[in-house]
């Protein structure tokens, strides 16, 4: 349906002109070659919502090779990695564009990839899109911009609801990843998902298993990095999708009986996530590592849960088990090694502060806390503070005050001893010279010994470090 311009459409066009002036020149380039071009999908939705960015998606009747030729003349850089699926990308100035030939894809029910078939109309292209709010277009090559909205996406934006253009079951059968996208858009846009769509997600959740781990990971990242990840995570758990892609989260919904009381670990984890997000300014802004660590920090509890006679529940060493489970799950989802190590380390360390009690740690213990956290020290500060979710205000204030004392002590020791650069007082070359030995395991053992001394006593200085090393070496030779 082509509609006359209303207020929302005018807003979309004005936003496009103001924030993406390159779109007009790209449209002129396609028009001069006899092809049509339309802004499509998420950018149209975002333009209407007043949140258009510099990444723009277009659709055209030009075939991929023709699109490539036009983009090479228009853009400063061109990427052809998606050309097999009809997409060619380019960048000009600050604007990145993806131009895709009209498609009418068909899917093998057991396949992860569509069989690409090119279509002949923009209406047919829009009908294969995931949600009505993404099935709108602005035609830019037919004179004045024409707003195309065959599935009433504009109305759904006004009502803040997610629907599929056709039957949800057909859409999710074509591409099961769209079920995750529903949860992600609900979190990003603060939209409600229509009941029929939720029902289809519940009945078809098993189909998500045919999607590659990398595509699942990318959707999870977008969901977790949204403004309201609780909404999407809850939807994944309630529909059964989380049981398949992130089973550790629904397992946090532990049964609670009247004699063995403990916090609702699932709700607690979501609260910790939200509280960590509220402190992200300490990390420079939205941070994937802290959000994942907050969400996963207690996933070791189900495996370590023990009921205590007479009432109560214990979760001994759940942080160690949780660190291992976190590493396994994130590797399965193909997260990069650096992120896996950072998140699993935070999960393993998240309980360390609770041994601090009322501040009786020695300087040695504080040094070890800093050494073990390493570059993640500020992340650990944020996670530990976020993990205090008690409703008892006096207890919460006491925990916050105690942790502040620890942070203050760390700051003082940082200034006095450069804790962030904790090293043995002697280096490997000096050890080999003093002990008259060649590179070997003994050098590493000597450096470990000196580091332990440094952690226990603070800076030793060259002279004392040499004395202690020689004493250690003499004892070692005797044994």
Foldseek 3Di string as FASTA:
>chain_A
DWDDDDPLNVQLVVLCCVAPVLVLVLQVLQVVVPKWKKFFFPQSLCSSVVRHDQETEMEIQDFLVVVVVSQVVRAPDKDCPCNQQQWIWGHHDSHIYIYGYQWQWDADLLAQDTDTDGDRDLQNSLLLDLWQLRSWIWINNPPPTIIGRPQPNVVCSVVQETDHSDQLLVNCSRHVCSLLVRLLCCQAVVGHYDPSNLVSLLVPLVSCVSHALQSVVVSLLSLLLHPGNVSSVVSCLVSVNCCPQPVLQVLLQDDDDPFADDDSRNVLLSQLLVQLQVVCVLVVHRDSLLNLLSNQLQSLQSVQWDADPRYYIDRPQSLVVSLVVQLVSVVSSVDDPVSNVSSSLLSNCLCVCVVCPQNPDDQLSLLVNCVSCQPVVSSSLSSNLSSPDDPPVVVNVSSVVSVVVSVVSNVVCCVVAVSNPQFFQDDLVVLCVLVVHDDDVVSVVLRVVSSSVCSVPNDDHDVVSSVVSVVVVVVVVVD
